[in-house]
Amino acid sequence: MSNLLKFSIAPAVEATEAPPIPRAQAWGREYLLSPTYGDLLDLSQGVPKNAPHPSVLEALAGSSSDPLSARYGPILGELALREAYAEEIRVQYQLPSSSSTSTSQSTKDTAKLVPGSSSNQDGSTQSPEAEVSKGKGTVNFDDISITTGCNMAFLVLIMALCPSGNSSVMIPLPSYFNQMMVFSLQGVEPIYIPGDFTNGFKPDIQAARNYLSTVNEEGKPKMIVLVSPNNPTGAVYRHEELKEWYDLAKKHGMALVLDETYRDFVEDEQGGRGVPHRLFEEEDWRETLVCLGSFSKGYRIPGHRLGSIIASPALLKHVTTISDCMQICAPRPPQIALSPLLPSLRSDLEESSKALSHRRHLFVDVVNKVQGWKVTSIGGYFAYVSFPKEYIHASANVGLKRKRLGSEDISLILAKKFGVVTLPGSFFMPDLKDDEIWEKDVLKGGEGLREDIWLRFAVANVGDEVILKLGPRLEEMNKLMGIGELSKTE
């Protein structure tokens, strides 16, 4: 118990690590006290660089000033947005048009509804007992819930599917720290599937198969969680790879939860928006698949907090119960603003995807030219980069007395001395020194990840000019750490 409080904090909260990004950003602020190399290059957080499209800003101004938008709205989201978003999913995933007749009005008419006037509290116009969405092999409005950001969508799912203290979830390692924090808060045991750093950090499905063959029904994990494009590694899974995971989850009666926060930045052959996967074409996808999404990245509105869950209405019925306790409704002004705009923003999404594709290629070119530095995987908003192994035993060069340096040490030095803020790979791992966790919770093949020689760079929140400044600073870091030749020979 804190000596500042006369009451106690829940043990699960006490045991959960604090959000790590502020720690890394504090290192950057120390650099600014004496910015030897110029501007701070903050590549720590995956946020959009540019402002929302002007039409979005204009619509937000209008919807925010409408007194009706200040009232409660439907729990599962504005019907107009759910319909419009379903159409955008069908367009991006090249799915057939909806055959659902469960809505009684067109999207245009629905957008004019007085807030709270939909026939059901959850925002649908169909019977709340309906549990099977019409239209196999596609996505309909009643397969969609709007949440207050994608992190909340993930928390809702864990609450809906995982009894506290008696559940496990399979998730690749490295893992997104907010998801690990949710597991800790909810008393859910993570089963880490090691990422293969020789294959772009994609998780080893054979390790998962082997594990599932050893557990009984009672001890079976509740879900497999994948993130594509991945946070933190940037790995992008091909459809064929995702289909293997889908089939594995289906075979064992588990949910496959696919976090697609960065789905708008899956590349096609021209560097534009591609088709992330074809799992929605499966006639029975609703029995196994749950997809999470975000409006923050593609539409560049992270502060307005909109996320989504695409799943069977049979699951969304329970999402409604939890969401009513957590949010009552997602923020209404951005929902109302975006509903009629989504089709017109497709070209903006395409341009953003191509610009980010260019920046990723530039990043690979710049970083891989610096001796010892290597982009291990990249995609979406992120790159996972290995630093020179010589750094591990160069503690004397930076005035430290320890046997080895890890990613947090390197990230701190890079930020404080050279003004490059990244996140250390250790932020995406369980305690690297805890042998018990690595023996109990990490599947076979994960030992190599404890080498701890990786940093995560966010490449979407900066311009190309920042990427170009990065190379010389990494070379200066090499000088400090005692590496001779500064750049690779062409």
Protein backbone atom coordinates (compact mmCIF):
# COMPACT_ATOMS: atom_id res chain seq x y z
CA MET A 1 0.00 0.00 0.00
CA SER A 2 1.29 3.45 -0.90
CA ASN A 3 2.12 5.66 2.09
CA LEU A 4 0.34 8.46 0.18
CA LEU A 5 -2.99 6.62 0.29
CA LYS A 6 -5.17 5.31 3.09
CA PHE A 7 -6.53 2.61 0.78
CA SER A 8 -5.00 -0.10 -1.37
CA ILE A 9 -4.60 -0.45 -5.15
CA ALA A 10 -5.78 -3.63 -6.85
CA PRO A 11 -2.87 -6.10 -7.01
CA ALA A 12 -3.31 -6.63 -10.78
CA VAL A 13 -2.91 -2.90 -11.35
CA GLU A 14 0.10 -2.66 -9.06
CA ALA A 15 1.72 -5.54 -10.97
CA THR A 16 1.17 -3.96 -14.40
CA GLU A 17 4.00 -2.00 -15.97
CA ALA A 18 3.37 1.70 -16.56
CA PRO A 19 3.03 2.89 -20.19
CA PRO A 20 6.60 2.92 -21.55
CA ILE A 21 6.49 5.59 -24.28
CA PRO A 22 6.67 8.55 -21.83
CA ARG A 23 9.92 7.09 -20.45
CA ALA A 24 11.55 7.11 -23.88
CA GLN A 25 10.24 10.58 -24.68
CA ALA A 26 11.77 11.84 -21.44
CA TRP A 27 15.18 10.72 -22.74
CA GLY A 28 14.61 12.95 -25.76
CA ARG A 29 13.80 15.93 -23.56
CA GLU A 30 17.19 15.51 -21.88
CA TYR A 31 18.86 15.77 -25.29
CA LEU A 32 17.09 19.08 -25.91
CA LEU A 33 18.94 20.61 -22.95
CA SER A 34 22.04 20.49 -25.18
CA PRO A 35 21.04 19.58 -28.75
CA THR A 36 24.51 18.91 -30.13
CA TYR A 37 23.37 17.42 -33.44
CA GLY A 38 20.38 19.64 -34.19
CA ASP A 39 16.68 18.90 -33.98
CA LEU A 40 15.28 16.01 -31.99
CA LEU A 41 14.39 13.08 -34.25
CA ASP A 42 11.47 11.49 -32.45
CA LEU A 43 10.74 8.08 -33.95
CA SER A 44 9.21 6.63 -30.81
CA GLN A 45 5.44 6.68 -31.26
CA GLY A 46 3.27 5.44 -34.13
CA VAL A 47 1.18 8.51 -34.84
CA PRO A 48 0.28 10.10 -38.19
CA LYS A 49 2.53 12.94 -39.26
CA ASN A 50 -0.05 14.96 -41.15
CA ALA A 51 -3.31 16.58 -40.10
CA PRO A 52 -6.64 15.02 -41.13
CA HIS A 53 -7.94 15.73 -44.61
CA PRO A 54 -9.48 19.25 -44.80
CA SER A 55 -12.92 17.79 -45.42
CA VAL A 56 -12.63 15.81 -42.18
CA LEU A 57 -11.63 18.90 -40.22
CA GLU A 58 -14.54 20.85 -41.69
CA ALA A 59 -17.01 18.06 -40.90
CA LEU A 60 -15.65 17.71 -37.37
CA ALA A 61 -16.17 21.41 -36.75
CA GLY A 62 -19.78 21.10 -37.85
CA SER A 63 -20.62 17.91 -35.95
CA SER A 64 -18.90 19.09 -32.76
CA SER A 65 -20.94 22.28 -32.72
CA ASP A 66 -24.24 20.45 -33.18
CA PRO A 67 -25.98 20.19 -29.77
CA LEU A 68 -27.51 16.85 -30.78
CA SER A 69 -24.04 15.25 -31.01
CA ALA A 70 -23.57 15.92 -27.30
CA ARG A 71 -26.29 13.42 -26.46
CA TYR A 72 -25.80 9.69 -25.94
CA GLY A 73 -25.70 7.59 -29.08
CA PRO A 74 -26.08 3.88 -29.90
CA ILE A 75 -23.79 1.57 -27.94
CA LEU A 76 -22.41 -0.24 -31.00
CA GLY A 77 -21.93 3.00 -32.92
CA GLU A 78 -23.83 5.29 -35.26
CA LEU A 79 -25.70 3.16 -37.75
CA ALA A 80 -24.67 5.44 -40.61
CA LEU A 81 -21.00 4.94 -39.78
CA ARG A 82 -21.36 1.18 -39.36
CA GLU A 83 -23.00 0.95 -42.80
CA ALA A 84 -20.44 3.24 -44.43
CA TYR A 85 -17.53 1.44 -42.78
CA ALA A 86 -18.86 -1.94 -43.87
CA GLU A 87 -18.85 -0.68 -47.45
CA GLU A 88 -15.25 0.51 -47.10
CA ILE A 89 -14.25 -2.92 -45.82
CA ARG A 90 -16.01 -4.56 -48.77
CA VAL A 91 -14.17 -2.25 -51.18
CA GLN A 92 -10.73 -2.74 -49.63
CA TYR A 93 -11.10 -6.52 -49.28
CA GLN A 94 -12.80 -6.86 -52.68
CA LEU A 95 -15.91 -8.45 -51.19
CA PRO A 96 -19.38 -8.69 -52.73
CA SER A 97 -21.98 -6.09 -51.84
CA SER A 98 -24.04 -6.68 -48.75
CA SER A 99 -27.14 -8.83 -49.11
CA SER A 100 -28.38 -7.81 -45.69
CA THR A 101 -31.86 -6.37 -45.59
CA SER A 102 -31.87 -5.87 -41.84
CA THR A 103 -31.64 -2.11 -42.05
CA SER A 104 -34.82 -0.26 -42.81
CA GLN A 105 -33.28 2.97 -44.11
CA SER A 106 -30.52 3.98 -46.44
CA THR A 107 -27.27 5.25 -44.99
CA LYS A 108 -28.20 8.71 -46.15
CA ASP A 109 -31.48 8.65 -44.30
CA THR A 110 -29.94 7.07 -41.22
CA ALA A 111 -27.41 9.87 -40.99
CA LYS A 112 -30.30 12.26 -40.44
CA LEU A 113 -31.74 10.36 -37.48
CA VAL A 114 -32.05 12.30 -34.27
CA PRO A 115 -29.45 10.91 -31.84
CA GLY A 116 -30.84 8.01 -29.87
CA SER A 117 -33.78 7.43 -32.21
CA SER A 118 -32.65 4.06 -33.62
CA SER A 119 -35.09 1.33 -32.79
CA ASN A 120 -32.67 -0.66 -30.57
CA GLN A 121 -30.34 0.60 -27.89
CA ASP A 122 -27.33 -0.99 -29.59
CA GLY A 123 -27.93 1.02 -32.75
CA SER A 124 -29.35 -1.72 -34.96
CA THR A 125 -32.78 -1.84 -36.54
CA GLN A 126 -33.12 -5.59 -36.30
CA SER A 127 -34.27 -7.87 -33.51
CA PRO A 128 -31.66 -8.02 -30.72
CA GLU A 129 -32.12 -11.80 -30.70
CA ALA A 130 -30.76 -12.09 -34.25
CA GLU A 131 -27.37 -13.76 -33.98
CA VAL A 132 -26.47 -14.63 -37.57
CA SER A 133 -25.56 -11.89 -40.02
CA LYS A 134 -26.97 -12.23 -43.52
CA GLY A 135 -24.53 -12.36 -46.42
CA LYS A 136 -21.91 -15.09 -46.21
CA GLY A 137 -18.46 -14.28 -47.49
CA THR A 138 -18.83 -10.56 -46.94
CA VAL A 139 -19.10 -7.97 -44.15
CA ASN A 140 -22.33 -6.23 -43.18
CA PHE A 141 -23.11 -3.33 -40.87
CA ASP A 142 -24.36 -5.68 -38.15
CA ASP A 143 -20.92 -7.33 -38.06
CA ILE A 144 -19.42 -4.03 -36.88
CA SER A 145 -19.07 -2.31 -33.53
CA ILE A 146 -17.52 1.12 -33.09
CA THR A 147 -15.36 1.51 -29.97
CA THR A 148 -13.39 4.25 -28.26
CA GLY A 149 -10.17 3.32 -30.01
CA CYS A 150 -8.66 -0.04 -30.90
CA ASN A 151 -7.07 -0.52 -27.47
CA MET A 152 -10.53 -0.49 -25.96
CA ALA A 153 -11.72 -2.96 -28.59
CA PHE A 154 -8.98 -5.35 -27.48
CA LEU A 155 -9.82 -4.93 -23.79
CA VAL A 156 -13.52 -5.55 -24.51
CA LEU A 157 -12.67 -8.79 -26.30
CA ILE A 158 -10.49 -10.02 -23.46
CA MET A 159 -13.28 -9.27 -21.00
CA ALA A 160 -15.83 -11.02 -23.22
CA LEU A 161 -13.85 -14.20 -23.92
CA CYS A 162 -11.36 -14.67 -21.09
CA PRO A 163 -12.49 -15.42 -17.53
CA SER A 164 -10.07 -13.64 -15.19
CA GLY A 165 -7.50 -15.88 -13.54
CA ASN A 166 -8.46 -18.91 -15.59
CA SER A 167 -7.55 -18.06 -19.19
CA SER A 168 -4.63 -17.95 -21.55
CA VAL A 169 -4.10 -16.28 -24.92
CA MET A 170 -1.54 -17.09 -27.61
CA ILE A 171 0.30 -14.07 -28.97
CA PRO A 172 3.51 -13.56 -30.97
CA LEU A 173 6.66 -12.31 -29.32
CA PRO A 174 7.71 -9.45 -29.55
CA SER A 175 4.27 -8.23 -28.39
CA TYR A 176 2.56 -4.85 -28.40
CA PHE A 177 2.94 -3.61 -24.82
CA ASN A 178 -0.64 -2.32 -24.43
CA GLN A 179 -1.91 -5.83 -25.14
CA MET A 180 0.49 -7.27 -22.58
CA MET A 181 -0.76 -4.66 -20.10
CA VAL A 182 -4.35 -5.81 -20.73
CA PHE A 183 -3.37 -9.40 -19.98
CA SER A 184 -1.79 -8.29 -16.71
CA LEU A 185 -4.76 -6.14 -15.68
CA GLN A 186 -7.27 -8.90 -16.47
CA GLY A 187 -5.33 -11.79 -14.97
CA VAL A 188 -4.92 -13.54 -18.34
CA GLU A 189 -1.84 -15.68 -18.98
CA PRO A 190 -0.03 -14.94 -22.25
CA ILE A 191 1.42 -17.86 -24.18
CA TYR A 192 4.13 -16.28 -26.32
CA ILE A 193 4.73 -17.65 -29.81
CA PRO A 194 8.35 -16.76 -30.65
CA GLY A 195 8.92 -14.61 -33.69
CA ASP A 196 11.53 -15.90 -36.12
CA PHE A 197 14.03 -13.05 -36.53
CA THR A 198 15.48 -14.81 -39.57
CA ASN A 199 12.03 -14.54 -41.21
CA GLY A 200 10.96 -10.99 -40.47
CA PHE A 201 9.82 -11.84 -36.93
CA LYS A 202 6.80 -13.80 -38.10
CA PRO A 203 5.59 -16.22 -35.42
CA ASP A 204 6.40 -19.90 -35.65
CA ILE A 205 3.11 -21.65 -36.42
CA GLN A 206 4.65 -25.08 -35.90
CA ALA A 207 5.50 -24.10 -32.33
CA ALA A 208 1.87 -23.14 -31.85
CA ARG A 209 0.66 -26.43 -33.37
CA ASN A 210 2.96 -28.42 -31.12
CA TYR A 211 1.75 -26.59 -28.04
CA LEU A 212 -1.95 -27.00 -28.86
CA SER A 213 -1.44 -30.71 -29.40
CA THR A 214 -0.37 -31.02 -25.75
CA VAL A 215 -3.18 -29.16 -23.97
CA ASN A 216 -6.56 -30.56 -22.99
CA GLU A 217 -9.88 -28.83 -23.58
CA GLU A 218 -9.88 -27.22 -20.14
CA GLY A 219 -6.40 -25.75 -20.58
CA LYS A 220 -6.89 -24.61 -24.17
CA PRO A 221 -6.17 -20.91 -24.85
CA LYS A 222 -9.20 -18.76 -25.59
CA MET A 223 -7.74 -17.08 -28.66
CA ILE A 224 -4.79 -16.54 -30.95
CA VAL A 225 -3.92 -12.86 -31.40
CA LEU A 226 -2.04 -11.60 -34.46
CA VAL A 227 -1.22 -8.03 -35.47
CA SER A 228 -0.71 -7.31 -39.19
CA PRO A 229 1.06 -5.09 -40.14
CA ASN A 230 2.70 -5.82 -36.82
CA ASN A 231 3.41 -3.56 -33.91
CA PRO A 232 6.28 -3.51 -33.00
CA THR A 233 8.10 -5.37 -35.78
CA GLY A 234 6.29 -4.12 -38.89
CA ALA A 235 5.91 -7.70 -40.16
CA VAL A 236 3.10 -8.08 -42.70
CA TYR A 237 1.50 -11.50 -42.96
CA ARG A 238 0.54 -12.83 -46.37
CA HIS A 239 -2.98 -14.18 -46.82
CA GLU A 240 -1.68 -17.74 -47.06
CA GLU A 241 0.03 -17.35 -43.69
CA LEU A 242 -3.08 -15.91 -42.05
CA LYS A 243 -5.18 -18.70 -43.53
CA GLU A 244 -2.95 -21.24 -41.76
CA TRP A 245 -3.54 -19.48 -38.45
CA TYR A 246 -7.25 -19.25 -39.19
CA ASP A 247 -7.42 -22.99 -39.89
CA LEU A 248 -5.47 -23.72 -36.69
CA ALA A 249 -7.81 -21.61 -34.56
CA LYS A 250 -10.86 -23.14 -36.24
CA LYS A 251 -9.57 -26.68 -35.68
CA HIS A 252 -9.16 -26.08 -31.96
CA GLY A 253 -12.34 -24.06 -31.45
CA MET A 254 -10.54 -20.82 -30.63
CA ALA A 255 -11.02 -17.25 -31.77
CA LEU A 256 -8.48 -15.81 -34.21
CA VAL A 257 -8.22 -12.15 -33.24
CA LEU A 258 -6.57 -10.12 -35.98
CA ASP A 259 -5.53 -6.60 -34.98
CA GLU A 260 -5.50 -4.61 -38.23
CA THR A 261 -4.85 -1.13 -36.88
CA TYR A 262 -2.48 -0.56 -39.83
CA ARG A 263 -4.55 -2.30 -42.52
CA ASP A 264 -4.58 0.82 -44.72
CA PHE A 265 -0.82 0.51 -45.18
CA VAL A 266 -0.61 -3.01 -46.55
CA GLU A 267 1.08 -2.51 -49.92
CA ASP A 268 0.05 -3.77 -53.30
CA GLU A 269 2.67 -4.20 -56.04
CA GLN A 270 2.57 -0.47 -56.80
CA GLY A 271 3.05 0.59 -53.18
CA GLY A 272 -0.59 1.61 -52.72
CA ARG A 273 -3.26 0.10 -50.51
CA GLY A 274 -3.43 -3.64 -50.98
CA VAL A 275 -5.87 -6.35 -49.90
CA PRO A 276 -4.77 -7.32 -46.35
CA HIS A 277 -6.17 -10.87 -46.58
CA ARG A 278 -9.10 -12.87 -47.93
CA LEU A 279 -10.42 -14.43 -44.73
CA PHE A 280 -13.72 -12.55 -45.02
CA GLU A 281 -14.39 -14.63 -48.14
CA GLU A 282 -14.75 -17.70 -45.94
CA GLU A 283 -18.47 -18.45 -45.65
CA ASP A 284 -18.13 -19.30 -41.98
CA TRP A 285 -15.63 -16.60 -40.99
CA ARG A 286 -17.93 -15.33 -38.24
CA GLU A 287 -17.49 -18.60 -36.31
CA THR A 288 -13.75 -18.02 -35.80
CA LEU A 289 -12.50 -14.60 -36.95
CA VAL A 290 -12.57 -11.32 -35.05
CA CYS A 291 -10.90 -8.28 -36.67
CA LEU A 292 -9.98 -5.10 -34.85
CA GLY A 293 -9.46 -1.79 -36.60
CA SER A 294 -8.67 1.85 -35.99
CA PHE A 295 -9.69 5.13 -37.55
CA SER A 296 -6.65 6.80 -35.96
CA LYS A 297 -4.04 5.92 -38.53
CA GLY A 298 -5.67 5.93 -41.97
CA TYR A 299 -7.93 8.91 -41.25
CA ARG A 300 -5.32 10.60 -39.02
CA ILE A 301 -7.61 11.30 -36.05
CA PRO A 302 -5.93 9.53 -33.09
CA GLY A 303 -7.16 12.12 -30.61
CA HIS A 304 -10.79 11.47 -31.53
CA ARG A 305 -10.54 7.81 -30.40
CA LEU A 306 -12.46 5.61 -32.80
CA GLY A 307 -11.82 1.91 -33.27
CA SER A 308 -13.81 -1.03 -34.53
CA ILE A 309 -14.60 -4.70 -34.00
CA ILE A 310 -15.68 -6.83 -36.95
CA ALA A 311 -17.24 -10.04 -35.68
CA SER A 312 -20.36 -12.16 -35.59
CA PRO A 313 -23.45 -10.40 -34.22
CA ALA A 314 -23.56 -13.32 -31.76
CA LEU A 315 -20.35 -11.92 -30.21
CA LEU A 316 -21.31 -8.27 -30.63
CA LYS A 317 -24.38 -8.90 -28.47
CA HIS A 318 -21.98 -9.44 -25.55
CA VAL A 319 -19.72 -6.59 -26.67
CA THR A 320 -22.78 -4.37 -26.24
CA THR A 321 -23.08 -5.35 -22.58
CA ILE A 322 -19.44 -4.58 -21.81
CA SER A 323 -19.28 -1.42 -23.90
CA ASP A 324 -22.31 0.04 -22.18
CA CYS A 325 -20.39 -0.14 -18.90
CA MET A 326 -17.15 1.25 -20.36
CA GLN A 327 -18.18 3.94 -22.82
CA ILE A 328 -21.99 3.95 -23.27
CA CYS A 329 -21.15 5.17 -26.76
CA ALA A 330 -18.00 5.98 -28.69
CA PRO A 331 -17.35 9.71 -29.32
CA ARG A 332 -20.19 10.94 -31.50
CA PRO A 333 -18.84 14.00 -33.38
CA PRO A 334 -16.16 12.03 -35.30
CA GLN A 335 -18.64 9.24 -36.08
CA ILE A 336 -21.16 11.71 -37.47
CA ALA A 337 -18.46 13.63 -39.35
CA LEU A 338 -16.92 10.57 -41.03
CA SER A 339 -20.11 8.71 -41.99
CA PRO A 340 -20.80 10.50 -45.31
CA LEU A 341 -17.11 11.16 -46.10
CA LEU A 342 -15.57 7.69 -46.22
CA PRO A 343 -15.97 7.06 -49.98
CA SER A 344 -14.43 10.44 -50.80
CA LEU A 345 -11.41 9.70 -48.59
CA ARG A 346 -10.29 6.60 -50.51
CA SER A 347 -7.93 8.60 -52.70
CA ASP A 348 -6.45 10.26 -49.60
CA LEU A 349 -5.81 6.83 -48.06
CA GLU A 350 -4.16 5.70 -51.31
CA GLU A 351 -1.86 8.74 -51.35
CA SER A 352 -0.94 8.24 -47.68
CA SER A 353 -0.13 4.59 -48.29
CA LYS A 354 2.13 5.40 -51.24
CA ALA A 355 3.93 8.17 -49.32
CA LEU A 356 4.56 5.85 -46.39
CA SER A 357 5.75 3.11 -48.74
CA HIS A 358 8.32 5.54 -50.15
CA ARG A 359 9.45 6.48 -46.63
CA ARG A 360 9.86 2.86 -45.60
CA HIS A 361 12.06 2.16 -48.63
CA LEU A 362 14.09 5.29 -47.86
CA PHE A 363 14.48 4.17 -44.25
CA VAL A 364 15.82 0.76 -45.29
CA ASP A 365 18.28 2.39 -47.66
CA VAL A 366 19.56 4.86 -45.05
CA VAL A 367 19.85 2.48 -42.11
CA ASN A 368 21.33 -0.51 -43.92
CA LYS A 369 24.20 1.65 -45.21
CA VAL A 370 25.45 2.23 -41.65
CA GLN A 371 27.89 -0.44 -40.53
CA GLY A 372 26.35 -3.04 -38.24
CA TRP A 373 22.80 -1.68 -38.44
CA LYS A 374 20.18 -3.80 -40.18
CA VAL A 375 16.44 -3.43 -40.79
CA THR A 376 15.14 -6.85 -39.76
CA SER A 377 11.50 -6.25 -40.64
CA ILE A 378 9.42 -3.28 -41.75
CA GLY A 379 5.82 -2.56 -42.64
CA GLY A 380 2.90 -0.36 -41.68
CA TYR A 381 4.13 2.32 -39.31
CA PHE A 382 7.19 0.51 -37.92
CA ALA A 383 10.64 -0.88 -38.55
CA TYR A 384 12.43 -3.33 -36.26
CA VAL A 385 16.16 -2.73 -36.45
CA SER A 386 19.14 -4.61 -35.03
CA PHE A 387 22.06 -2.53 -33.80
CA PRO A 388 25.70 -3.69 -34.05
CA LYS A 389 26.46 -6.63 -31.79
CA GLU A 390 29.68 -4.88 -30.79
CA TYR A 391 27.53 -2.50 -28.75
CA ILE A 392 26.70 -5.28 -26.29
CA HIS A 393 30.21 -5.28 -24.81
CA ALA A 394 31.03 -1.58 -25.23
CA SER A 395 29.83 -0.37 -21.84
CA ALA A 396 33.21 1.19 -21.07
CA ASN A 397 32.81 3.50 -24.06
CA VAL A 398 29.84 5.17 -22.38
CA GLY A 399 31.15 5.12 -18.82
CA LEU A 400 29.10 2.18 -17.60
CA LYS A 401 30.36 -0.79 -15.62
CA ARG A 402 28.32 -3.81 -16.62
CA LYS A 403 28.89 -7.03 -18.50
CA ARG A 404 26.57 -6.26 -21.39
CA LEU A 405 24.36 -3.52 -22.75
CA GLY A 406 20.80 -4.21 -23.82
CA SER A 407 18.34 -2.45 -26.08
CA GLU A 408 17.15 -0.08 -23.35
CA ASP A 409 20.72 1.09 -22.75
CA ILE A 410 21.27 1.68 -26.47
CA SER A 411 17.94 3.43 -26.93
CA LEU A 412 18.68 5.71 -23.96
CA ILE A 413 22.17 6.62 -25.25
CA LEU A 414 20.88 7.21 -28.77
CA ALA A 415 18.21 9.57 -27.44
CA LYS A 416 20.17 11.49 -24.81
CA LYS A 417 23.42 11.92 -26.75
CA PHE A 418 22.31 11.96 -30.39
CA GLY A 419 18.69 13.10 -30.27
CA VAL A 420 17.18 9.97 -31.88
CA VAL A 421 14.23 8.67 -29.85
CA THR A 422 13.29 5.03 -30.43
CA LEU A 423 11.73 2.30 -28.32
CA PRO A 424 13.95 -0.54 -27.09
CA GLY A 425 12.97 -4.07 -28.01
CA SER A 426 12.83 -4.94 -24.32
CA PHE A 427 9.65 -2.84 -24.06
CA PHE A 428 7.94 -5.54 -26.14
CA MET A 429 9.22 -8.52 -24.14
CA PRO A 430 8.52 -10.13 -20.79
CA ASP A 431 11.25 -9.60 -18.21
CA LEU A 432 14.41 -10.74 -19.99
CA LYS A 433 16.03 -11.75 -16.71
CA ASP A 434 13.14 -13.89 -15.46
CA ASP A 435 14.05 -17.44 -16.41
CA GLU A 436 10.78 -18.80 -15.03
CA ILE A 437 8.65 -16.70 -17.38
CA TRP A 438 10.75 -17.69 -20.39
CA GLU A 439 10.56 -21.36 -19.50
CA LYS A 440 6.84 -21.35 -18.67
CA ASP A 441 5.23 -18.80 -21.00
CA VAL A 442 7.44 -18.69 -24.12
CA LEU A 443 7.11 -21.59 -26.55
CA LYS A 444 10.15 -23.49 -27.76
CA GLY A 445 12.43 -21.49 -30.04
CA GLY A 446 12.23 -18.16 -28.22
CA GLU A 447 15.63 -18.10 -26.52
CA GLY A 448 17.23 -16.12 -29.35
CA LEU A 449 14.92 -13.20 -28.61
CA ARG A 450 16.70 -12.68 -25.29
CA GLU A 451 19.72 -11.44 -27.22
CA ASP A 452 17.97 -8.05 -26.99
CA ILE A 453 19.65 -6.29 -29.91
CA TRP A 454 16.63 -4.62 -31.51
CA LEU A 455 15.05 -1.18 -31.52
CA ARG A 456 11.65 -0.14 -32.86
CA PHE A 457 11.57 2.90 -35.13
CA ALA A 458 8.25 4.59 -35.97
CA VAL A 459 8.52 5.92 -39.52
CA ALA A 460 5.05 7.37 -40.08
CA ASN A 461 5.24 10.32 -37.72
CA VAL A 462 8.20 12.00 -39.45
CA GLY A 463 8.99 13.28 -42.93
CA ASP A 464 11.62 12.02 -45.36
CA GLU A 465 13.97 14.79 -44.23
CA VAL A 466 14.12 13.24 -40.75
CA ILE A 467 14.99 9.83 -42.19
CA LEU A 468 17.85 11.40 -44.15
CA LYS A 469 19.26 12.93 -40.94
CA LEU A 470 19.16 9.57 -39.21
CA GLY A 471 22.10 7.96 -41.04
CA PRO A 472 24.78 10.45 -39.90
CA ARG A 473 23.60 10.20 -36.30
CA LEU A 474 23.82 6.41 -36.32
CA GLU A 475 27.35 6.78 -37.68
CA GLU A 476 28.18 9.13 -34.79
CA MET A 477 26.78 6.51 -32.42
CA ASN A 478 29.10 3.95 -34.03
CA LYS A 479 32.06 6.25 -33.35
CA LEU A 480 31.14 6.51 -29.70
CA MET A 481 30.76 2.75 -29.39
CA GLY A 482 34.15 2.11 -30.98
CA ILE A 483 33.18 0.76 -34.39
CA GLY A 484 35.82 1.58 -36.99
CA GLU A 485 34.46 1.71 -40.53
CA LEU A 486 31.42 3.95 -40.52
CA SER A 487 29.52 2.74 -43.51
CA LYS A 488 29.22 -0.35 -45.61
CA THR A 489 31.33 -0.60 -48.72
CA GLU A 490 29.18 -0.27 -51.80
